[in-house]
Amino acid sequence: MTSRRTAIALIAIGISAFASIGGACALDYPTRPVRWVVGYPPGGATDIIARLIGQRLSERLGQQFIIENKPGAGNNIATEAVINAEPDGYTVLLVNPANYINTSLYANLKFNVPRDIAPIAAFNRVPNVMTVGKNVEAKTVADFIAYAKANPGKVNMASSGNGTSVHLSGEMFMAMAGIKMQHVPYRGAALALTDMLGGQVDVIFDNMPSVLQHIRGGALRALAVTTTEPSALLPGVPTVAATVPGYEASALFGMGAPKKTPPEIIAKLNSEINAVLAEPAIKAKLIDLGGEPLIGTPEAFGAMIVAETEKWKKVIEDAKITKVE
């Protein structure tokens, strides 16, 4: 009996010591560079956000957060690389709208983001902008809906590609406003905006950073922003929801990690990211990119990921968008 009690006590001491070592490792984290995987090429809005926050995390934590751009397969290559990485806090993902959309858009994914990615922290939400060309006479969302209803299928809606947030924002608008437009997908926003400027297409629900210069320059006209609140970057421009109640579309960004990453490391990263987001200079730069910082818990970001995934799943199913094999 005594030997059994001694064995149990030793096991308990071992478990306690192991837990203490794990906690100490988390407190020391990071002790080497962190690989931050971004599913897009350098220079875009997604990459800019990662480099902005990554630089400050490097300075605060004393180890480099190295941005690794892994474009391809609609962001899926980058996501799968992180999901399959060691869950030690040294590989993280720039979570972005493609992660929520692709869960329902791709038929044969080997992963499920809400299930397989551990949420760390949200960064910000960036609105899309319902934007029309100079050839479109509608000055308000209500005017546009009335015109589209009077001319079903004759209004051309541009997007940056099938299944993108730009495309699905327009699909959701069509469903909720009760109109039908002709979708014209392009290989990226730049090509779509070129034809918008030339009058070949009528409307686009483009990301704020991409379209803002054309709106401010007067070449294109903003009818509304897609978030629930107006944007300070476009004073006087209303929300789509003011005319179409319940409408909301935005680009939610954040950081995630492989599912079994230690909670102590996730908590430390969350705390450091929130501190960075609270810095006036970082806040100002994020607002310039289209959205104020979202300071919150990993659990709050996780709930957002689930909500975004469900929202876009409904849009994909309602619009009968063909899944990518």
C-alpha atoms as a PDB file:
ATOM      1  CA  MET A   1       0.000   0.000   0.000  1.00  0.00           C
ATOM      2  CA  THR A   2       2.812   2.344   0.952  1.00  0.00           C
ATOM      3  CA  SER A   3       4.664   1.757  -2.308  1.00  0.00           C
ATOM      4  CA  ARG A   4       1.467   2.403  -4.277  1.00  0.00           C
ATOM      5  CA  ARG A   5       0.882   5.685  -2.452  1.00  0.00           C
ATOM      6  CA  THR A   6       4.485   6.645  -3.041  1.00  0.00           C
ATOM      7  CA  ALA A   7       4.133   5.895  -6.760  1.00  0.00           C
ATOM      8  CA  ILE A   8       0.946   7.986  -7.023  1.00  0.00           C
ATOM      9  CA  ALA A   9       2.626  10.830  -5.186  1.00  0.00           C
ATOM     10  CA  LEU A  10       5.625  10.694  -7.520  1.00  0.00           C
ATOM     11  CA  ILE A  11       3.348  10.719 -10.586  1.00  0.00           C
ATOM     12  CA  ALA A  12       1.495  13.717  -9.196  1.00  0.00           C
ATOM     13  CA  ILE A  13       4.785  15.515  -8.542  1.00  0.00           C
ATOM     14  CA  GLY A  14       5.894  14.700 -12.103  1.00  0.00           C
ATOM     15  CA  ILE A  15       2.689  16.034 -13.616  1.00  0.00           C
ATOM     16  CA  SER A  16       2.965  19.196 -11.514  1.00  0.00           C
ATOM     17  CA  ALA A  17       6.586  19.670 -12.529  1.00  0.00           C
ATOM     18  CA  PHE A  18       5.707  19.144 -16.210  1.00  0.00           C
ATOM     19  CA  ALA A  19       2.896  21.700 -15.976  1.00  0.00           C
ATOM     20  CA  SER A  20       5.276  24.167 -14.313  1.00  0.00           C
ATOM     21  CA  ILE A  21       7.831  23.660 -17.083  1.00  0.00           C
ATOM     22  CA  GLY A  22       5.114  24.174 -19.709  1.00  0.00           C
ATOM     23  CA  GLY A  23       3.995  27.385 -18.013  1.00  0.00           C
ATOM     24  CA  ALA A  24       7.592  28.579 -17.788  1.00  0.00           C
ATOM     25  CA  CYS A  25       8.104  27.876 -21.523  1.00  0.00           C
ATOM     26  CA  ALA A  26       5.017  29.914 -22.294  1.00  0.00           C
ATOM     27  CA  LEU A  27       6.306  32.790 -20.163  1.00  0.00           C
ATOM     28  CA  ASP A  28       9.649  32.689 -21.998  1.00  0.00           C
ATOM     29  CA  TYR A  29       7.952  32.505 -25.412  1.00  0.00           C
ATOM     30  CA  PRO A  30       9.151  33.320 -27.990  1.00  0.00           C
ATOM     31  CA  THR A  31      12.761  32.153 -27.780  1.00  0.00           C
ATOM     32  CA  ARG A  32      13.234  32.024 -31.570  1.00  0.00           C
ATOM     33  CA  PRO A  33      11.675  33.652 -34.658  1.00  0.00           C
ATOM     34  CA  VAL A  34       7.957  33.132 -35.342  1.00  0.00           C
ATOM     35  CA  ARG A  35       6.806  32.259 -38.871  1.00  0.00           C
ATOM     36  CA  TRP A  36       3.684  34.257 -39.822  1.00  0.00           C
ATOM     37  CA  VAL A  37       2.097  32.741 -42.940  1.00  0.00           C
ATOM     38  CA  VAL A  38       0.122  35.023 -45.282  1.00  0.00           C
ATOM     39  CA  GLY A  39      -1.826  33.480 -48.165  1.00  0.00           C
ATOM     40  CA  TYR A  40      -1.264  36.374 -50.583  1.00  0.00           C
ATOM     41  CA  PRO A  41       1.692  37.996 -52.379  1.00  0.00           C
ATOM     42  CA  PRO A  42       3.556  40.923 -50.790  1.00  0.00           C
ATOM     43  CA  GLY A  43       2.099  44.398 -51.127  1.00  0.00           C
ATOM     44  CA  GLY A  44      -1.637  43.812 -50.799  1.00  0.00           C
ATOM     45  CA  ALA A  45      -3.845  44.972 -47.923  1.00  0.00           C
ATOM     46  CA  THR A  46      -3.626  41.581 -46.166  1.00  0.00           C
ATOM     47  CA  ASP A  47       0.166  41.544 -46.337  1.00  0.00           C
ATOM     48  CA  ILE A  48       0.376  45.178 -45.181  1.00  0.00           C
ATOM     49  CA  ILE A  49      -1.668  44.437 -42.043  1.00  0.00           C
ATOM     50  CA  ALA A  50       0.564  41.455 -41.165  1.00  0.00           C
ATOM     51  CA  ARG A  51       3.770  43.460 -41.616  1.00  0.00           C
ATOM     52  CA  LEU A  52       2.395  46.408 -39.634  1.00  0.00           C
ATOM     53  CA  ILE A  53       1.481  44.294 -36.594  1.00  0.00           C
ATOM     54  CA  GLY A  54       4.371  41.844 -37.046  1.00  0.00           C
ATOM     55  CA  GLN A  55       6.950  44.619 -36.812  1.00  0.00           C
ATOM     56  CA  ARG A  56       5.592  45.809 -33.469  1.00  0.00           C
ATOM     57  CA  LEU A  57       5.343  42.248 -32.105  1.00  0.00           C
ATOM     58  CA  SER A  58       9.002  41.721 -33.076  1.00  0.00           C
ATOM     59  CA  GLU A  59       9.992  44.861 -31.193  1.00  0.00           C
ATOM     60  CA  ARG A  60       7.899  44.056 -28.124  1.00  0.00           C
ATOM     61  CA  LEU A  61       8.820  40.360 -27.814  1.00  0.00           C
ATOM     62  CA  GLY A  62      12.449  40.486 -28.899  1.00  0.00           C
ATOM     63  CA  GLN A  63      12.081  37.869 -31.657  1.00  0.00           C
ATOM     64  CA  GLN A  64      11.347  38.365 -35.341  1.00  0.00           C
ATOM     65  CA  PHE A  65       7.836  37.680 -36.656  1.00  0.00           C
ATOM     66  CA  ILE A  66       8.858  36.704 -40.176  1.00  0.00           C
ATOM     67  CA  ILE A  67       6.165  37.159 -42.821  1.00  0.00           C
ATOM     68  CA  GLU A  68       6.066  34.146 -45.151  1.00  0.00           C
ATOM     69  CA  ASN A  69       3.938  34.774 -48.235  1.00  0.00           C
ATOM     70  CA  LYS A  70       2.391  31.522 -49.530  1.00  0.00           C
ATOM     71  CA  PRO A  71      -0.166  32.508 -52.202  1.00  0.00           C
ATOM     72  CA  GLY A  72      -2.181  29.957 -54.128  1.00  0.00           C
ATOM     73  CA  ALA A  73      -5.434  27.980 -54.190  1.00  0.00           C
ATOM     74  CA  GLY A  74      -7.449  30.887 -52.883  1.00  0.00           C
ATOM     75  CA  ASN A  75      -5.485  31.079 -49.596  1.00  0.00           C
ATOM     76  CA  ASN A  76      -5.818  27.326 -48.941  1.00  0.00           C
ATOM     77  CA  ILE A  77      -2.119  26.496 -49.353  1.00  0.00           C
ATOM     78  CA  ALA A  78      -1.168  28.910 -46.568  1.00  0.00           C
ATOM     79  CA  THR A  79      -3.971  27.746 -44.295  1.00  0.00           C
ATOM     80  CA  GLU A  80      -3.150  24.060 -44.695  1.00  0.00           C
ATOM     81  CA  ALA A  81       0.545  24.748 -44.044  1.00  0.00           C
ATOM     82  CA  VAL A  82      -0.304  26.298 -40.680  1.00  0.00           C
ATOM     83  CA  ILE A  83      -2.866  23.660 -39.702  1.00  0.00           C
ATOM     84  CA  ASN A  84      -0.257  20.938 -40.318  1.00  0.00           C
ATOM     85  CA  ALA A  85       2.546  22.784 -38.494  1.00  0.00           C
ATOM     86  CA  GLU A  86       3.764  21.958 -34.998  1.00  0.00           C
ATOM     87  CA  PRO A  87       1.371  23.546 -32.475  1.00  0.00           C
ATOM     88  CA  ASP A  88       4.176  25.270 -30.580  1.00  0.00           C
ATOM     89  CA  GLY A  89       3.403  28.939 -31.237  1.00  0.00           C
ATOM     90  CA  TYR A  90       6.139  29.325 -33.833  1.00  0.00           C
ATOM     91  CA  THR A  91       3.832  29.117 -36.872  1.00  0.00           C
ATOM     92  CA  VAL A  92       0.774  31.372 -37.087  1.00  0.00           C
ATOM     93  CA  LEU A  93      -1.715  32.367 -39.801  1.00  0.00           C
ATOM     94  CA  LEU A  94      -3.045  35.694 -41.035  1.00  0.00           C
ATOM     95  CA  VAL A  95      -6.763  34.851 -40.847  1.00  0.00           C
ATOM     96  CA  ASN A  96      -8.783  36.676 -43.517  1.00  0.00           C
ATOM     97  CA  PRO A  97     -12.151  36.522 -45.365  1.00  0.00           C
ATOM     98  CA  ALA A  98     -11.077  33.674 -47.665  1.00  0.00           C
ATOM     99  CA  ASN A  99     -10.838  31.412 -44.615  1.00  0.00           C
ATOM    100  CA  TYR A 100     -14.529  31.889 -43.805  1.00  0.00           C
ATOM    101  CA  ILE A 101     -15.685  31.638 -47.428  1.00  0.00           C
ATOM    102  CA  ASN A 102     -13.579  28.672 -48.550  1.00  0.00           C
ATOM    103  CA  THR A 103     -15.008  26.358 -45.895  1.00  0.00           C
ATOM    104  CA  SER A 104     -18.213  26.277 -47.962  1.00  0.00           C
ATOM    105  CA  LEU A 105     -16.850  27.186 -51.403  1.00  0.00           C
ATOM    106  CA  TYR A 106     -14.398  24.289 -51.801  1.00  0.00           C
ATOM    107  CA  ALA A 107     -15.817  20.784 -52.057  1.00  0.00           C
ATOM    108  CA  ASN A 108     -12.744  18.774 -51.049  1.00  0.00           C
ATOM    109  CA  LEU A 109     -10.904  20.760 -48.406  1.00  0.00           C
ATOM    110  CA  LYS A 110      -8.747  18.695 -46.067  1.00  0.00           C
ATOM    111  CA  PHE A 111      -9.438  21.066 -43.180  1.00  0.00           C
ATOM    112  CA  ASN A 112     -12.159  23.122 -41.518  1.00  0.00           C
ATOM    113  CA  VAL A 113     -11.028  26.522 -40.237  1.00  0.00           C
ATOM    114  CA  PRO A 114     -13.475  26.905 -37.298  1.00  0.00           C
ATOM    115  CA  ARG A 115     -12.468  23.407 -36.156  1.00  0.00           C
ATOM    116  CA  ASP A 116      -8.748  23.316 -37.001  1.00  0.00           C
ATOM    117  CA  ILE A 117      -7.492  26.851 -36.295  1.00  0.00           C
ATOM    118  CA  ALA A 118      -7.080  28.156 -32.745  1.00  0.00           C
ATOM    119  CA  PRO A 119      -8.161  31.821 -32.694  1.00  0.00           C
ATOM    120  CA  ILE A 120      -5.642  34.214 -31.135  1.00  0.00           C
ATOM    121  CA  ALA A 121      -6.869  37.760 -31.767  1.00  0.00           C
ATOM    122  CA  ALA A 122      -8.948  39.809 -34.183  1.00  0.00           C
ATOM    123  CA  PHE A 123      -7.327  42.878 -35.744  1.00  0.00           C
ATOM    124  CA  ASN A 124     -10.006  44.890 -37.554  1.00  0.00           C
ATOM    125  CA  ARG A 125     -13.002  44.818 -39.892  1.00  0.00           C
ATOM    126  CA  VAL A 126     -12.677  46.560 -43.251  1.00  0.00           C
ATOM    127  CA  PRO A 127     -15.839  47.520 -45.145  1.00  0.00           C
ATOM    128  CA  ASN A 128     -16.493  46.939 -48.791  1.00  0.00           C
ATOM    129  CA  VAL A 129     -17.924  49.876 -50.701  1.00  0.00           C
ATOM    130  CA  MET A 130     -20.909  49.683 -53.038  1.00  0.00           C
ATOM    131  CA  THR A 131     -19.440  51.743 -55.864  1.00  0.00           C
ATOM    132  CA  VAL A 132     -20.838  52.759 -59.256  1.00  0.00           C
ATOM    133  CA  GLY A 133     -19.366  54.284 -62.385  1.00  0.00           C
ATOM    134  CA  LYS A 134     -20.146  57.732 -63.716  1.00  0.00           C
ATOM    135  CA  ASN A 135     -22.419  56.204 -66.346  1.00  0.00           C
ATOM    136  CA  VAL A 136     -24.817  55.006 -63.617  1.00  0.00           C
ATOM    137  CA  GLU A 137     -27.432  57.644 -62.809  1.00  0.00           C
ATOM    138  CA  ALA A 138     -28.478  56.230 -59.422  1.00  0.00           C
ATOM    139  CA  LYS A 139     -27.340  58.467 -56.567  1.00  0.00           C
ATOM    140  CA  THR A 140     -28.627  56.302 -53.709  1.00  0.00           C
ATOM    141  CA  VAL A 141     -28.989  52.621 -52.896  1.00  0.00           C
ATOM    142  CA  ALA A 142     -32.770  52.959 -53.236  1.00  0.00           C
ATOM    143  CA  ASP A 143     -32.373  54.514 -56.686  1.00  0.00           C
ATOM    144  CA  PHE A 144     -30.059  51.691 -57.715  1.00  0.00           C
ATOM    145  CA  ILE A 145     -32.456  48.989 -56.525  1.00  0.00           C
ATOM    146  CA  ALA A 146     -35.341  50.627 -58.385  1.00  0.00           C
ATOM    147  CA  TYR A 147     -33.290  50.795 -61.578  1.00  0.00           C
ATOM    148  CA  ALA A 148     -32.133  47.160 -61.260  1.00  0.00           C
ATOM    149  CA  LYS A 149     -35.721  45.972 -60.711  1.00  0.00           C
ATOM    150  CA  ALA A 150     -36.825  47.859 -63.800  1.00  0.00           C
ATOM    151  CA  ASN A 151     -33.974  46.312 -65.805  1.00  0.00           C
ATOM    152  CA  PRO A 152     -33.533  42.742 -64.510  1.00  0.00           C
ATOM    153  CA  GLY A 153     -30.265  41.110 -65.571  1.00  0.00           C
ATOM    154  CA  LYS A 154     -29.099  44.185 -67.479  1.00  0.00           C
ATOM    155  CA  VAL A 155     -26.958  45.668 -64.697  1.00  0.00           C
ATOM    156  CA  ASN A 156     -23.382  44.345 -64.733  1.00  0.00           C
ATOM    157  CA  MET A 157     -21.758  43.664 -61.344  1.00  0.00           C
ATOM    158  CA  ALA A 158     -17.968  43.382 -61.384  1.00  0.00           C
ATOM    159  CA  SER A 159     -15.921  41.404 -58.870  1.00  0.00           C
ATOM    160  CA  SER A 160     -12.315  40.444 -58.211  1.00  0.00           C
ATOM    161  CA  GLY A 161     -13.142  36.799 -58.922  1.00  0.00           C
ATOM    162  CA  ASN A 162     -15.643  34.016 -58.277  1.00  0.00           C
ATOM    163  CA  GLY A 163     -16.097  33.289 -54.597  1.00  0.00           C
ATOM    164  CA  THR A 164     -14.244  36.374 -53.331  1.00  0.00           C
ATOM    165  CA  SER A 165     -15.724  38.576 -50.613  1.00  0.00           C
ATOM    166  CA  VAL A 166     -16.283  41.213 -53.313  1.00  0.00           C
ATOM    167  CA  HIS A 167     -18.383  38.743 -55.328  1.00  0.00           C
ATOM    168  CA  LEU A 168     -20.316  37.372 -52.353  1.00  0.00           C
ATOM    169  CA  SER A 169     -21.058  40.840 -50.972  1.00  0.00           C
ATOM    170  CA  GLY A 170     -22.844  41.544 -54.256  1.00  0.00           C
ATOM    171  CA  GLU A 171     -24.646  38.186 -54.207  1.00  0.00           C
ATOM    172  CA  MET A 172     -25.905  38.874 -50.705  1.00  0.00           C
ATOM    173  CA  PHE A 173     -27.097  42.322 -51.819  1.00  0.00           C
ATOM    174  CA  MET A 174     -29.007  40.815 -54.743  1.00  0.00           C
ATOM    175  CA  ALA A 175     -30.721  38.262 -52.505  1.00  0.00           C
ATOM    176  CA  MET A 176     -31.685  40.758 -49.808  1.00  0.00           C
ATOM    177  CA  ALA A 177     -32.722  43.555 -52.193  1.00  0.00           C
ATOM    178  CA  GLY A 178     -34.699  41.217 -54.468  1.00  0.00           C
ATOM    179  CA  ILE A 179     -32.848  42.120 -57.657  1.00  0.00           C
ATOM    180  CA  LYS A 180     -30.879  40.275 -60.337  1.00  0.00           C
ATOM    181  CA  MET A 181     -27.590  41.509 -61.799  1.00  0.00           C
ATOM    182  CA  GLN A 182     -25.151  39.937 -64.249  1.00  0.00           C
ATOM    183  CA  HIS A 183     -21.961  38.924 -62.443  1.00  0.00           C
ATOM    184  CA  VAL A 184     -18.739  39.706 -64.324  1.00  0.00           C
ATOM    185  CA  PRO A 185     -15.711  38.166 -62.548  1.00  0.00           C
ATOM    186  CA  TYR A 186     -12.187  39.465 -63.152  1.00  0.00           C
ATOM    187  CA  ARG A 187      -8.753  38.164 -62.226  1.00  0.00           C
ATOM    188  CA  GLY A 188      -8.271  40.681 -59.436  1.00  0.00           C
ATOM    189  CA  ALA A 189      -9.702  44.032 -58.388  1.00  0.00           C
ATOM    190  CA  ALA A 190      -7.347  46.139 -60.531  1.00  0.00           C
ATOM    191  CA  LEU A 191      -8.760  44.745 -63.787  1.00  0.00           C
ATOM    192  CA  ALA A 192     -12.319  45.106 -62.526  1.00  0.00           C
ATOM    193  CA  LEU A 193     -11.754  48.746 -61.596  1.00  0.00           C
ATOM    194  CA  THR A 194     -10.223  49.478 -65.006  1.00  0.00           C
ATOM    195  CA  ASP A 195     -13.477  48.414 -66.666  1.00  0.00           C
ATOM    196  CA  MET A 196     -15.499  50.253 -64.001  1.00  0.00           C
ATOM    197  CA  LEU A 197     -13.624  53.433 -64.923  1.00  0.00           C
ATOM    198  CA  GLY A 198     -14.257  52.733 -68.608  1.00  0.00           C
ATOM    199  CA  GLY A 199     -18.001  52.201 -68.106  1.00  0.00           C
ATOM    200  CA  GLN A 200     -18.014  48.549 -69.201  1.00  0.00           C
ATOM    201  CA  VAL A 201     -19.482  47.430 -65.855  1.00  0.00           C
ATOM    202  CA  ASP A 202     -21.855  49.269 -63.548  1.00  0.00           C
ATOM    203  CA  VAL A 203     -21.255  48.380 -59.904  1.00  0.00           C
ATOM    204  CA  ILE A 204     -18.713  46.703 -57.634  1.00  0.00           C
ATOM    205  CA  PHE A 205     -18.703  45.893 -53.900  1.00  0.00           C
ATOM    206  CA  ASP A 206     -14.954  46.371 -53.617  1.00  0.00           C
ATOM    207  CA  ASN A 207     -12.658  46.421 -50.595  1.00  0.00           C
ATOM    208  CA  MET A 208     -12.233  49.912 -49.143  1.00  0.00           C
ATOM    209  CA  PRO A 209      -8.423  50.191 -49.607  1.00  0.00           C
ATOM    210  CA  SER A 210      -8.652  49.128 -53.254  1.00  0.00           C
ATOM    211  CA  VAL A 211     -11.345  51.535 -54.412  1.00  0.00           C
ATOM    212  CA  LEU A 212     -10.914  54.525 -52.081  1.00  0.00           C
ATOM    213  CA  GLN A 213      -8.546  56.574 -54.277  1.00  0.00           C
ATOM    214  CA  HIS A 214     -10.950  56.384 -57.242  1.00  0.00           C
ATOM    215  CA  ILE A 215     -13.856  57.548 -55.087  1.00  0.00           C
ATOM    216  CA  ARG A 216     -11.902  60.416 -53.561  1.00  0.00           C
ATOM    217  CA  GLY A 217     -10.674  61.436 -57.006  1.00  0.00           C
ATOM    218  CA  GLY A 218     -14.236  61.575 -58.338  1.00  0.00           C
ATOM    219  CA  ALA A 219     -13.780  58.913 -61.016  1.00  0.00           C
ATOM    220  CA  LEU A 220     -16.208  56.545 -59.236  1.00  0.00           C
ATOM    221  CA  ARG A 221     -19.106  57.185 -56.862  1.00  0.00           C
ATOM    222  CA  ALA A 222     -19.707  55.482 -53.520  1.00  0.00           C
ATOM    223  CA  LEU A 223     -23.359  54.697 -52.821  1.00  0.00           C
ATOM    224  CA  ALA A 224     -22.860  52.986 -49.461  1.00  0.00           C
ATOM    225  CA  VAL A 225     -20.481  51.057 -47.202  1.00  0.00           C
ATOM    226  CA  THR A 226     -21.248  47.447 -46.316  1.00  0.00           C
ATOM    227  CA  THR A 227     -20.563  47.565 -42.568  1.00  0.00           C
ATOM    228  CA  THR A 228     -23.273  48.267 -39.988  1.00  0.00           C
ATOM    229  CA  GLU A 229     -21.711  51.660 -39.186  1.00  0.00           C
ATOM    230  CA  PRO A 230     -20.586  54.409 -41.603  1.00  0.00           C
ATOM    231  CA  SER A 231     -16.857  54.841 -42.244  1.00  0.00           C
ATOM    232  CA  ALA A 232     -14.881  57.904 -41.189  1.00  0.00           C
ATOM    233  CA  LEU A 233     -12.917  57.537 -44.428  1.00  0.00           C
ATOM    234  CA  LEU A 234     -16.061  58.277 -46.462  1.00  0.00           C
ATOM    235  CA  PRO A 235     -17.945  60.959 -44.528  1.00  0.00           C
ATOM    236  CA  GLY A 236     -21.548  61.345 -45.613  1.00  0.00           C
ATOM    237  CA  VAL A 237     -21.710  57.928 -47.275  1.00  0.00           C
ATOM    238  CA  PRO A 238     -24.477  55.820 -45.670  1.00  0.00           C
ATOM    239  CA  THR A 239     -24.563  52.090 -44.985  1.00  0.00           C
ATOM    240  CA  VAL A 240     -26.263  49.570 -47.258  1.00  0.00           C
ATOM    241  CA  ALA A 241     -28.207  48.468 -44.168  1.00  0.00           C
ATOM    242  CA  ALA A 242     -29.886  51.876 -43.973  1.00  0.00           C
ATOM    243  CA  THR A 243     -31.797  50.838 -47.111  1.00  0.00           C
ATOM    244  CA  VAL A 244     -31.547  47.027 -46.893  1.00  0.00           C
ATOM    245  CA  PRO A 245     -32.056  46.208 -43.185  1.00  0.00           C
ATOM    246  CA  GLY A 246     -29.835  43.449 -41.852  1.00  0.00           C
ATOM    247  CA  TYR A 247     -27.225  43.680 -44.589  1.00  0.00           C
ATOM    248  CA  GLU A 248     -23.598  43.439 -43.396  1.00  0.00           C
ATOM    249  CA  ALA A 249     -20.427  42.437 -45.183  1.00  0.00           C
ATOM    250  CA  SER A 250     -16.875  43.152 -44.106  1.00  0.00           C
ATOM    251  CA  ALA A 251     -13.351  41.799 -44.253  1.00  0.00           C
ATOM    252  CA  LEU A 252     -12.410  40.479 -40.798  1.00  0.00           C
ATOM    253  CA  PHE A 253      -8.681  40.020 -40.150  1.00  0.00           C
ATOM    254  CA  GLY A 254      -6.837  38.361 -37.280  1.00  0.00           C
ATOM    255  CA  MET A 255      -4.253  35.806 -36.187  1.00  0.00           C
ATOM    256  CA  GLY A 256      -4.734  32.067 -35.705  1.00  0.00           C
ATOM    257  CA  ALA A 257      -2.552  29.072 -34.859  1.00  0.00           C
ATOM    258  CA  PRO A 258      -2.650  25.260 -35.140  1.00  0.00           C
ATOM    259  CA  LYS A 259      -5.453  23.859 -32.991  1.00  0.00           C
ATOM    260  CA  LYS A 260      -3.397  22.353 -30.140  1.00  0.00           C
ATOM    261  CA  THR A 261      -1.182  25.401 -29.533  1.00  0.00           C
ATOM    262  CA  PRO A 262      -0.743  25.784 -25.737  1.00  0.00           C
ATOM    263  CA  PRO A 263      -3.350  28.149 -24.236  1.00  0.00           C
ATOM    264  CA  GLU A 264      -0.612  30.029 -22.332  1.00  0.00           C
ATOM    265  CA  ILE A 265       1.056  30.959 -25.632  1.00  0.00           C
ATOM    266  CA  ILE A 266      -2.268  31.974 -27.188  1.00  0.00           C
ATOM    267  CA  ALA A 267      -3.020  34.139 -24.142  1.00  0.00           C
ATOM    268  CA  LYS A 268       0.400  35.804 -24.341  1.00  0.00           C
ATOM    269  CA  LEU A 269       0.051  36.554 -28.065  1.00  0.00           C
ATOM    270  CA  ASN A 270      -3.481  37.858 -27.523  1.00  0.00           C
ATOM    271  CA  SER A 271      -2.270  40.209 -24.780  1.00  0.00           C
ATOM    272  CA  GLU A 272       0.624  41.496 -26.884  1.00  0.00           C
ATOM    273  CA  ILE A 273      -1.536  41.980 -29.988  1.00  0.00           C
ATOM    274  CA  ASN A 274      -4.166  43.880 -27.999  1.00  0.00           C
ATOM    275  CA  ALA A 275      -1.430  46.125 -26.624  1.00  0.00           C
ATOM    276  CA  VAL A 276      -0.194  46.806 -30.179  1.00  0.00           C
ATOM    277  CA  LEU A 277      -3.727  47.530 -31.426  1.00  0.00           C
ATOM    278  CA  ALA A 278      -4.167  50.073 -28.609  1.00  0.00           C
ATOM    279  CA  GLU A 279      -1.133  52.095 -29.699  1.00  0.00           C
ATOM    280  CA  PRO A 280      -2.275  55.414 -31.256  1.00  0.00           C
ATOM    281  CA  ALA A 281       0.035  55.091 -34.285  1.00  0.00           C
ATOM    282  CA  ILE A 282      -1.128  51.538 -35.071  1.00  0.00           C
ATOM    283  CA  LYS A 283      -4.765  52.489 -34.546  1.00  0.00           C
ATOM    284  CA  ALA A 284      -4.387  55.404 -36.975  1.00  0.00           C
ATOM    285  CA  LYS A 285      -2.781  53.171 -39.626  1.00  0.00           C
ATOM    286  CA  LEU A 286      -5.493  50.514 -39.298  1.00  0.00           C
ATOM    287  CA  ILE A 287      -8.168  53.196 -39.668  1.00  0.00           C
ATOM    288  CA  ASP A 288      -6.383  54.375 -42.830  1.00  0.00           C
ATOM    289  CA  LEU A 289      -6.670  50.787 -44.081  1.00  0.00           C
ATOM    290  CA  GLY A 290     -10.413  50.927 -43.519  1.00  0.00           C
ATOM    291  CA  GLY A 291     -11.318  49.726 -40.037  1.00  0.00           C
ATOM    292  CA  GLU A 292     -10.775  50.508 -36.352  1.00  0.00           C
ATOM    293  CA  PRO A 293      -8.957  47.927 -34.186  1.00  0.00           C
ATOM    294  CA  LEU A 294     -10.963  45.123 -32.575  1.00  0.00           C
ATOM    295  CA  ILE A 295      -9.504  44.504 -29.121  1.00  0.00           C
ATOM    296  CA  GLY A 296     -10.827  41.319 -27.513  1.00  0.00           C
ATOM    297  CA  THR A 297     -10.277  37.763 -26.335  1.00  0.00           C
ATOM    298  CA  PRO A 298      -9.390  34.657 -28.343  1.00  0.00           C
ATOM    299  CA  GLU A 299     -12.893  33.366 -27.566  1.00  0.00           C
ATOM    300  CA  ALA A 300     -14.479  36.501 -29.026  1.00  0.00           C
ATOM    301  CA  PHE A 301     -12.460  36.108 -32.231  1.00  0.00           C
ATOM    302  CA  GLY A 302     -13.426  32.437 -32.375  1.00  0.00           C
ATOM    303  CA  ALA A 303     -17.110  33.374 -32.207  1.00  0.00           C
ATOM    304  CA  MET A 304     -16.567  35.865 -35.048  1.00  0.00           C
ATOM    305  CA  ILE A 305     -14.918  33.164 -37.197  1.00  0.00           C
ATOM    306  CA  VAL A 306     -17.905  30.844 -36.692  1.00  0.00           C
ATOM    307  CA  ALA A 307     -20.403  33.644 -37.446  1.00  0.00           C
ATOM    308  CA  GLU A 308     -18.560  34.714 -40.615  1.00  0.00           C
ATOM    309  CA  THR A 309     -18.318  31.116 -41.833  1.00  0.00           C
ATOM    310  CA  GLU A 310     -22.056  30.559 -41.337  1.00  0.00           C
ATOM    311  CA  LYS A 311     -22.955  33.862 -43.009  1.00  0.00           C
ATOM    312  CA  TRP A 312     -20.988  33.141 -46.188  1.00  0.00           C
ATOM    313  CA  LYS A 313     -22.174  29.517 -46.257  1.00  0.00           C
ATOM    314  CA  LYS A 314     -25.761  30.787 -46.498  1.00  0.00           C
ATOM    315  CA  VAL A 315     -24.859  33.218 -49.294  1.00  0.00           C
ATOM    316  CA  ILE A 316     -23.064  30.484 -51.279  1.00  0.00           C
ATOM    317  CA  GLU A 317     -25.973  28.066 -50.870  1.00  0.00           C
ATOM    318  CA  ASP A 318     -28.694  30.642 -51.630  1.00  0.00           C
ATOM    319  CA  ALA A 319     -26.873  31.884 -54.741  1.00  0.00           C
ATOM    320  CA  LYS A 320     -26.221  28.261 -55.841  1.00  0.00           C
ATOM    321  CA  ILE A 321     -22.558  29.066 -56.437  1.00  0.00           C
ATOM    322  CA  THR A 322     -20.741  26.065 -57.893  1.00  0.00           C
ATOM    323  CA  LYS A 323     -18.212  24.646 -55.468  1.00  0.00           C
ATOM    324  CA  VAL A 324     -14.544  24.489 -56.437  1.00  0.00           C
ATOM    325  CA  GLU A 325     -13.328  20.905 -56.748  1.00  0.00           C
END
